[in-house]
Amino acid sequence: MRPYFAILAVLAAAVSSCVYPYDLPELAREQAFLVVDGSIVVGKEASLRISWINKSGVSYSYTKPDEWWVEDENGTRYLPERDKQWMDLSQAPEDRSYRMVVKTEGKTYSSSFEKGIDKPIIESIDFGTDEARVYCNVSLRESDAGVGYVALSFEEIWLFHAQYPDQYELKEIEPGSEETPGVYEVLPREKPDESRYWCWRYADNGHETLVDLTNLSGAARDYRLTSFARAGERNHGDYNIKVYARSISEAEYRFRRNLESSSTGFNLFTPNPGEVAGNVRCEEDPSQRVMGYVTLSLFSSKEARLDGRFYKYSDPGIAGFIEPAPYEYWLYYYEYRFRPIIEDSSSDGMTIPILWGPVRCIDCVEDGGSLEKPSFK
């Protein structure tokens, strides 16, 4: 699940403005309440984020629980491994009901036991284009046991190249001394150095898109999931996407839609944020207000690859480059992570006609890329 934690925080801060609009001193003395954003994806992972927020909405703080786990209907517990906000559920059977239990501030909070809805089916992932952009379209449908609501997310891996090839090198012609700088010359390489010209990059879109299939006869054809520029680095020749689809209950769908509409502004026609009910309760005090939701789902996934057939060249430009200058400046440029990159065709012949730019313009690793292809999570 891609967390709705920021929306929950905004919504929680707004509760008092709708329910208790006046007595702020009294509100400030009231105990803060818990905001929960939990996800159980059976066969994959579980995650949790919590915070405490004052009912006046004046302040809140993110925190980690004292203890938390996921348990099934038979009492089997699954515990966090990497840290206190994530756990592996790859071995959790899909045919059982699960809940999340959180211990913090001396109390225990738990979601209700739920069983995953049958997985949606991703039938195809296709790519299309117009003059400016490439579009990724997904066709999917609910299984016979589905209820018509799906949450989509995706990861991306793509091969890209630096803006320019590394085709010049700085060579010392005469060594310098303490009194005088050395003499340097910029020379073209016999062959451009491409050792850091091509790199890989990974991205998680960090958001879930909710799709209502109940009005689409249980299926969506060519649903536009994402897009990117034809001249952008995702389209340099090897783009890979992995789409995840999970069936969600109508209750989760309505809860999250209410969150979205409540967080974008309040009027007579939006839900009162105090009425956006979640599924988390305090076991010691069921009347204690807890805001948030623990989702539970099964998921399916599908991968697709796009070659560079839609690529459209665009001049990377020379923004941030340094104009040609005498060789006395070159070592200074080099030490400050600039490199000779391209010849300046507009030079008047008074200076060496080479433009210097940041290292990242010729080095994709400096630009955040990896020489080794990453894998999907």
Protein backbone atom coordinates (compact mmCIF):
# COMPACT_ATOMS: atom_id res chain seq x y z
CA MET A 1 0.00 0.00 0.00
CA ARG A 2 1.10 3.55 -0.68
CA PRO A 3 0.46 5.41 2.60
CA TYR A 4 -2.17 8.11 3.02
CA PHE A 5 -0.38 9.30 6.14
CA ALA A 6 -0.07 12.93 5.09
CA ILE A 7 -3.78 13.09 4.35
CA LEU A 8 -4.58 11.48 7.69
CA ALA A 9 -2.49 14.10 9.50
CA VAL A 10 -4.21 16.97 7.68
CA LEU A 11 -7.59 15.44 8.30
CA ALA A 12 -6.90 14.87 11.98
CA ALA A 13 -5.79 18.47 12.38
CA ALA A 14 -9.09 19.58 10.90
CA VAL A 15 -11.29 17.49 13.19
CA SER A 16 -11.50 20.10 15.91
CA SER A 17 -12.26 22.89 13.46
CA CYS A 18 -15.44 21.08 12.48
CA VAL A 19 -16.42 19.56 15.80
CA TYR A 20 -15.04 21.93 18.45
CA PRO A 21 -14.70 25.37 16.85
CA TYR A 22 -14.32 27.58 19.91
CA ASP A 23 -12.92 26.33 23.23
CA LEU A 24 -9.24 26.06 22.25
CA PRO A 25 -7.81 26.31 25.79
CA GLU A 26 -9.92 23.34 26.84
CA LEU A 27 -9.02 21.45 23.67
CA ALA A 28 -5.33 22.01 24.24
CA ARG A 29 -5.61 20.19 27.55
CA GLU A 30 -7.32 17.19 26.07
CA GLN A 31 -5.33 14.08 25.39
CA ALA A 32 -3.97 13.63 21.88
CA PHE A 33 -5.28 10.78 19.78
CA LEU A 34 -3.62 8.22 17.55
CA VAL A 35 -3.36 8.38 13.76
CA VAL A 36 -2.70 5.01 12.09
CA ASP A 37 -1.75 4.13 8.52
CA GLY A 38 -1.26 0.38 8.22
CA SER A 39 -1.11 -2.01 5.30
CA ILE A 40 -1.22 -5.81 5.13
CA VAL A 41 -0.51 -7.23 1.68
CA VAL A 42 -0.73 -10.99 2.12
CA GLY A 43 2.08 -12.79 0.31
CA LYS A 44 4.19 -9.64 0.13
CA GLU A 45 4.64 -7.26 3.08
CA ALA A 46 3.12 -5.19 5.87
CA SER A 47 3.92 -1.62 6.86
CA LEU A 48 2.90 0.79 9.58
CA ARG A 49 3.15 4.52 10.35
CA ILE A 50 1.64 6.17 13.39
CA SER A 51 1.59 9.58 15.04
CA TRP A 52 0.01 11.37 17.94
CA ILE A 53 -1.88 14.55 17.22
CA ASN A 54 -3.42 17.08 19.57
CA LYS A 55 -7.17 17.41 19.15
CA SER A 56 -6.76 21.12 18.61
CA GLY A 57 -4.68 20.31 15.54
CA VAL A 58 -1.92 22.60 16.78
CA SER A 59 0.85 20.01 16.76
CA TYR A 60 1.54 16.40 15.99
CA SER A 61 4.55 14.10 16.05
CA TYR A 62 5.51 10.98 14.11
CA THR A 63 6.63 8.11 16.27
CA LYS A 64 7.44 4.43 16.27
CA PRO A 65 5.33 1.90 18.16
CA ASP A 66 6.66 0.08 21.19
CA GLU A 67 5.65 -3.17 19.53
CA TRP A 68 3.54 -4.30 16.60
CA TRP A 69 2.75 -7.44 14.67
CA VAL A 70 0.37 -9.07 12.22
CA GLU A 71 -1.49 -12.17 13.31
CA ASP A 72 -3.79 -14.60 11.56
CA GLU A 73 -6.98 -16.23 12.77
CA ASN A 74 -5.00 -19.21 14.09
CA GLY A 75 -2.83 -17.04 16.32
CA THR A 76 0.30 -17.15 14.15
CA ARG A 77 2.26 -13.92 14.56
CA TYR A 78 4.46 -12.19 11.99
CA LEU A 79 7.02 -9.77 13.43
CA PRO A 80 8.99 -6.86 11.91
CA GLU A 81 12.43 -7.74 10.60
CA ARG A 82 14.15 -4.80 8.93
CA ASP A 83 12.92 -2.13 11.32
CA LYS A 84 9.82 -1.24 13.29
CA GLN A 85 7.82 -0.07 10.28
CA TRP A 86 8.04 -2.97 7.81
CA MET A 87 7.77 -6.76 7.80
CA ASP A 88 7.96 -9.59 5.31
CA LEU A 89 4.71 -11.49 4.66
CA SER A 90 5.88 -13.54 1.69
CA GLN A 91 5.15 -16.77 3.59
CA ALA A 92 1.69 -15.77 4.86
CA PRO A 93 -1.05 -18.09 3.47
CA GLU A 94 -3.64 -16.30 1.36
CA ASP A 95 -6.63 -18.26 2.67
CA ARG A 96 -6.55 -16.87 6.23
CA SER A 97 -7.88 -13.76 7.97
CA TYR A 98 -5.43 -11.24 9.42
CA ARG A 99 -5.30 -8.22 11.66
CA MET A 100 -2.65 -5.75 12.83
CA VAL A 101 -1.90 -5.14 16.51
CA VAL A 102 -0.01 -2.05 17.75
CA LYS A 103 1.25 -1.34 21.26
CA THR A 104 2.18 2.21 22.17
CA GLU A 105 1.92 4.49 25.17
CA GLY A 106 0.85 1.58 27.39
CA LYS A 107 -2.20 0.66 25.31
CA THR A 108 -3.02 -1.88 22.62
CA TYR A 109 -4.68 -0.96 19.34
CA SER A 110 -5.92 -3.50 16.83
CA SER A 111 -7.70 -3.67 13.52
CA SER A 112 -10.52 -6.08 12.84
CA PHE A 113 -9.82 -9.51 11.36
CA GLU A 114 -10.28 -9.48 7.60
CA LYS A 115 -9.69 -11.89 4.78
CA GLY A 116 -8.17 -10.82 1.48
CA ILE A 117 -10.45 -10.35 -1.47
CA ASP A 118 -9.59 -12.44 -4.52
CA LYS A 119 -6.84 -10.97 -6.71
CA PRO A 120 -7.65 -8.77 -9.68
CA ILE A 121 -6.33 -9.90 -13.05
CA ILE A 122 -3.97 -7.69 -15.05
CA GLU A 123 -4.60 -8.72 -18.63
CA SER A 124 -2.15 -6.45 -20.45
CA ILE A 125 0.18 -3.45 -20.24
CA ASP A 126 0.54 -1.43 -23.44
CA PHE A 127 2.32 1.74 -24.53
CA GLY A 128 1.11 4.54 -26.77
CA THR A 129 2.38 7.97 -27.73
CA ASP A 130 1.57 11.39 -29.07
CA GLU A 131 3.91 14.17 -30.14
CA ALA A 132 5.19 14.86 -26.62
CA ARG A 133 4.55 11.93 -24.29
CA VAL A 134 4.56 8.16 -23.92
CA TYR A 135 1.55 6.62 -22.17
CA CYS A 136 1.39 3.39 -20.18
CA ASN A 137 -2.07 1.83 -20.31
CA VAL A 138 -3.31 -1.11 -18.24
CA SER A 139 -6.20 -3.44 -18.95
CA LEU A 140 -7.50 -5.33 -15.92
CA ARG A 141 -10.57 -7.03 -14.53
CA GLU A 142 -11.83 -8.37 -11.26
CA SER A 143 -11.94 -12.08 -10.62
CA ASP A 144 -15.31 -13.73 -10.09
CA ALA A 145 -14.90 -13.26 -6.31
CA GLY A 146 -13.90 -9.60 -6.57
CA VAL A 147 -16.08 -6.71 -5.41
CA GLY A 148 -15.19 -4.16 -8.08
CA TYR A 149 -12.60 -1.94 -6.37
CA VAL A 150 -8.89 -2.03 -7.21
CA ALA A 151 -5.80 -0.12 -6.06
CA LEU A 152 -2.99 0.20 -8.62
CA SER A 153 0.66 1.06 -8.03
CA PHE A 154 3.86 0.55 -9.96
CA GLU A 155 7.66 0.46 -9.92
CA GLU A 156 9.96 1.54 -12.76
CA ILE A 157 13.47 0.63 -13.88
CA TRP A 158 15.04 2.32 -16.90
CA LEU A 159 18.34 2.67 -18.71
CA PHE A 160 19.43 6.21 -19.45
CA HIS A 161 22.52 8.02 -20.65
CA ALA A 162 24.33 11.14 -19.53
CA GLN A 163 23.55 14.38 -21.31
CA TYR A 164 26.85 14.39 -23.18
CA PRO A 165 29.60 11.86 -23.96
CA ASP A 166 32.92 12.29 -22.16
CA GLN A 167 34.98 13.28 -25.19
CA TYR A 168 37.66 15.63 -23.77
CA GLU A 169 40.45 15.22 -21.25
CA LEU A 170 42.57 17.71 -19.34
CA LYS A 171 46.32 17.09 -19.67
CA GLU A 172 49.20 18.82 -17.91
CA ILE A 173 51.71 20.14 -20.47
CA GLU A 174 54.07 21.93 -18.08
CA PRO A 175 54.12 21.25 -14.31
CA GLY A 176 53.47 24.17 -12.01
CA SER A 177 55.23 25.37 -8.88
CA GLU A 178 54.30 27.22 -5.72
CA GLU A 179 54.80 30.51 -7.57
CA THR A 180 53.34 29.70 -10.97
CA PRO A 181 50.46 27.46 -12.10
CA GLY A 182 51.01 24.62 -14.49
CA VAL A 183 50.11 24.73 -18.15
CA TYR A 184 47.20 22.53 -19.20
CA GLU A 185 45.59 21.59 -22.45
CA VAL A 186 42.17 20.22 -23.27
CA LEU A 187 42.48 17.47 -25.85
CA PRO A 188 39.81 15.39 -27.58
CA ARG A 189 39.90 11.70 -26.70
CA GLU A 190 40.58 9.24 -29.46
CA LYS A 191 37.29 7.65 -28.50
CA PRO A 192 34.69 9.01 -26.01
CA ASP A 193 34.88 7.39 -22.57
CA GLU A 194 31.50 5.63 -22.16
CA SER A 195 32.29 3.87 -18.86
CA ARG A 196 29.81 6.15 -17.09
CA TYR A 197 27.66 7.19 -20.00
CA TRP A 198 24.90 4.57 -19.52
CA CYS A 199 23.24 3.93 -16.13
CA TRP A 200 20.15 2.43 -14.58
CA ARG A 201 17.61 4.15 -12.38
CA TYR A 202 14.82 2.81 -10.14
CA ALA A 203 11.68 4.56 -8.93
CA ASP A 204 8.67 3.62 -6.87
CA ASN A 205 5.72 5.84 -7.74
CA GLY A 206 4.81 6.07 -4.04
CA HIS A 207 1.08 6.36 -4.63
CA GLU A 208 -1.91 4.14 -5.23
CA THR A 209 -4.55 4.92 -7.83
CA LEU A 210 -8.04 3.78 -6.89
CA VAL A 211 -10.19 2.34 -9.67
CA ASP A 212 -13.93 1.71 -9.36
CA LEU A 213 -14.86 -1.15 -11.69
CA THR A 214 -18.45 -1.44 -10.51
CA ASN A 215 -19.62 0.93 -13.27
CA LEU A 216 -17.34 -0.64 -15.89
CA SER A 217 -18.80 -4.15 -15.92
CA GLY A 218 -15.94 -5.31 -13.72
CA ALA A 219 -13.17 -4.45 -16.19
CA ALA A 220 -11.09 -1.48 -17.34
CA ARG A 221 -9.61 -1.35 -20.83
CA ASP A 222 -6.51 0.74 -21.59
CA TYR A 223 -6.62 2.55 -18.26
CA ARG A 224 -3.96 5.28 -18.36
CA LEU A 225 -1.71 4.60 -15.40
CA THR A 226 1.28 6.86 -16.04
CA SER A 227 3.14 8.80 -18.72
CA PHE A 228 6.54 10.34 -19.37
CA ALA A 229 8.17 12.67 -21.88
CA ARG A 230 9.26 11.19 -25.21
CA ALA A 231 12.49 13.17 -24.92
CA GLY A 232 12.98 12.25 -21.27
CA GLU A 233 15.49 9.80 -19.82
CA ARG A 234 12.88 7.07 -19.25
CA ASN A 235 12.63 6.77 -23.01
CA HIS A 236 16.32 6.34 -23.85
CA GLY A 237 15.92 2.73 -24.91
CA ASP A 238 15.09 0.25 -22.12
CA TYR A 239 12.13 1.09 -19.88
CA ASN A 240 10.62 -1.51 -17.54
CA ILE A 241 7.51 -1.23 -15.40
CA LYS A 242 5.98 -3.57 -12.85
CA VAL A 243 2.32 -2.93 -12.06
CA TYR A 244 0.71 -4.12 -8.85
CA ALA A 245 -3.05 -4.50 -8.51
CA ARG A 246 -4.84 -5.35 -5.31
CA SER A 247 -8.53 -5.80 -4.70
CA ILE A 248 -9.86 -3.60 -1.93
CA SER A 249 -13.11 -3.66 -0.04
CA GLU A 250 -15.84 -1.14 -0.60
CA ALA A 251 -15.27 0.08 2.98
CA GLU A 252 -11.61 0.88 2.27
CA TYR A 253 -12.50 2.51 -1.04
CA ARG A 254 -15.09 4.78 0.62
CA PHE A 255 -12.77 5.59 3.52
CA ARG A 256 -9.95 6.69 1.25
CA ARG A 257 -12.23 8.66 -1.05
CA ASN A 258 -13.60 10.46 2.00
CA LEU A 259 -10.06 11.23 3.09
CA GLU A 260 -9.22 12.69 -0.29
CA SER A 261 -12.30 14.87 -0.49
CA SER A 262 -11.99 16.01 3.14
CA SER A 263 -8.33 16.94 2.72
CA THR A 264 -8.98 19.18 -0.29
CA GLY A 265 -11.32 21.53 1.54
CA PHE A 266 -14.46 21.57 3.65
CA ASN A 267 -17.92 22.69 2.65
CA LEU A 268 -21.51 21.63 3.22
CA PHE A 269 -21.16 18.75 0.80
CA THR A 270 -17.91 17.15 1.98
CA PRO A 271 -17.84 14.53 4.76
CA ASN A 272 -17.32 15.77 8.29
CA PRO A 273 -13.78 14.51 9.06
CA GLY A 274 -14.95 13.31 12.45
CA GLU A 275 -17.30 10.97 10.61
CA VAL A 276 -14.62 9.29 8.49
CA ALA A 277 -14.53 6.05 10.41
CA GLY A 278 -11.56 3.70 10.34
CA ASN A 279 -11.15 0.10 11.46
CA VAL A 280 -8.68 0.52 14.36
CA ARG A 281 -9.83 0.39 17.99
CA CYS A 282 -8.20 0.72 21.41
CA GLU A 283 -8.69 -2.59 23.22
CA GLU A 284 -8.52 -1.09 26.73
CA ASP A 285 -10.85 1.82 25.90
CA PRO A 286 -13.04 1.22 22.82
CA SER A 287 -14.47 4.75 23.16
CA GLN A 288 -11.04 6.34 22.60
CA ARG A 289 -10.82 8.12 19.27
CA VAL A 290 -8.40 6.53 16.80
CA MET A 291 -8.11 7.84 13.25
CA GLY A 292 -6.80 5.70 10.46
CA TYR A 293 -7.15 2.45 8.61
CA VAL A 294 -5.34 -0.87 8.29
CA THR A 295 -5.87 -2.23 4.81
CA LEU A 296 -5.69 -5.90 3.93
CA SER A 297 -5.43 -7.28 0.42
CA LEU A 298 -4.10 -9.87 -1.98
CA PHE A 299 -2.19 -8.67 -5.00
CA SER A 300 -1.29 -9.59 -8.54
CA SER A 301 1.47 -8.12 -10.66
CA LYS A 302 2.64 -7.91 -14.25
CA GLU A 303 5.75 -6.53 -15.94
CA ALA A 304 6.22 -4.88 -19.32
CA ARG A 305 9.16 -3.48 -21.28
CA LEU A 306 9.42 -0.67 -23.80
CA ASP A 307 12.34 -0.24 -26.19
CA GLY A 308 13.35 3.11 -27.62
CA ARG A 309 10.96 3.12 -30.58
CA PHE A 310 9.16 6.23 -29.32
CA TYR A 311 12.31 8.20 -28.54
CA LYS A 312 12.35 11.84 -29.63
CA TYR A 313 15.65 13.71 -29.46
CA SER A 314 15.85 16.97 -27.54
CA ASP A 315 18.94 19.17 -27.21
CA PRO A 316 20.05 18.96 -23.55
CA GLY A 317 21.23 22.57 -23.64
CA ILE A 318 24.07 24.23 -21.77
CA ALA A 319 22.33 25.71 -18.74
CA GLY A 320 24.84 26.06 -15.90
CA PHE A 321 27.86 25.72 -18.16
CA ILE A 322 30.92 28.02 -17.89
CA GLU A 323 31.95 30.04 -20.91
CA PRO A 324 35.38 29.44 -22.49
CA ALA A 325 38.25 30.85 -20.45
CA PRO A 326 42.08 30.84 -20.52
CA TYR A 327 43.87 27.71 -19.31
CA GLU A 328 44.86 29.36 -15.99
CA TYR A 329 41.30 28.76 -14.81
CA TRP A 330 41.03 25.14 -15.87
CA LEU A 331 42.53 23.45 -12.84
CA TYR A 332 40.28 25.57 -10.64
CA TYR A 333 37.24 24.41 -12.66
CA TYR A 334 38.39 20.81 -12.42
CA GLU A 335 38.75 20.93 -8.63
CA TYR A 336 35.22 22.28 -8.35
CA ARG A 337 33.77 19.31 -10.22
CA PHE A 338 33.47 20.84 -13.66
CA ARG A 339 34.70 19.15 -16.84
CA PRO A 340 35.34 20.17 -20.45
CA ILE A 341 32.26 18.98 -22.29
CA ILE A 342 31.54 20.54 -25.67
CA GLU A 343 33.15 22.88 -28.14
CA ASP A 344 31.75 26.39 -28.22
CA SER A 345 30.78 27.01 -31.82
CA SER A 346 30.15 30.70 -31.09
CA SER A 347 33.71 31.38 -29.85
CA ASP A 348 35.40 34.44 -31.29
CA GLY A 349 38.83 32.80 -31.19
CA MET A 350 40.07 34.94 -28.29
CA THR A 351 39.86 32.04 -25.80
CA ILE A 352 39.99 28.24 -25.92
CA PRO A 353 36.55 27.35 -27.32
CA ILE A 354 35.50 24.70 -24.79
CA LEU A 355 32.46 24.92 -22.51
CA TRP A 356 32.81 23.45 -19.03
CA GLY A 357 29.87 21.86 -17.25
CA PRO A 358 29.09 19.87 -14.07
CA VAL A 359 30.48 16.34 -13.89
CA ARG A 360 26.95 14.89 -13.83
CA CYS A 361 26.48 16.05 -17.44
CA ILE A 362 28.96 13.38 -18.63
CA ASP A 363 28.79 10.98 -15.67
CA CYS A 364 25.47 9.22 -15.08
CA VAL A 365 26.64 7.86 -11.71
CA GLU A 366 27.16 11.43 -10.52
CA ASP A 367 23.61 12.05 -11.72
CA GLY A 368 22.26 9.40 -9.33
CA GLY A 369 22.33 6.38 -11.62
CA SER A 370 23.71 2.89 -11.06
CA LEU A 371 26.01 0.87 -13.30
CA GLU A 372 24.24 -2.31 -12.17
CA LYS A 373 20.65 -2.96 -13.15
CA PRO A 374 18.41 -2.93 -10.05
CA SER A 375 15.56 -5.35 -9.55
CA PHE A 376 11.93 -4.85 -8.67
CA LYS A 377 11.12 -5.27 -4.99
